[in-house]
């Protein structure tokens, strides 16, 4: 295991880059870390879509018993999605890809959670994107 202080390494490399001392910077790991940030943001957006879609499908396909958290989770996930899209507007053109992947994951989870076969769910995501992000929409 490497005995590196990650925070110190990041600060030193940031300062080297800011001062134009590129030859002294640890360029390859810095580039990998920057790419990792994007991957984390994408993973977070996909996860939020999955949780939102899971709860909308649960609302539609397992109507009882509905608790307050069933209403709260979509609100939280929609706000998180909107925040991520505002911070990362470059994700907007590929939003349908995020939704399709999240839908598949949500259906797989719900098959286990509520014990229904895949054929009971629509083959593709059934709601328009504007409904998905509408804070008042529940199927």
Foldseek 3Di string as FASTA:
>chain_A
DDPDDVVVLVVVLVVCVVVVVVVPHPPPVVVVVVVVVVVVLLVLLLVLLLQLLLLLVCCVPVVPPDDPVSLVSLLVSLVVNVVSCVVPVVCVVVVQVSNFVSNVVSLVVVCVVVVDDSVVDDPGDDDDPVLSNDSPDHD
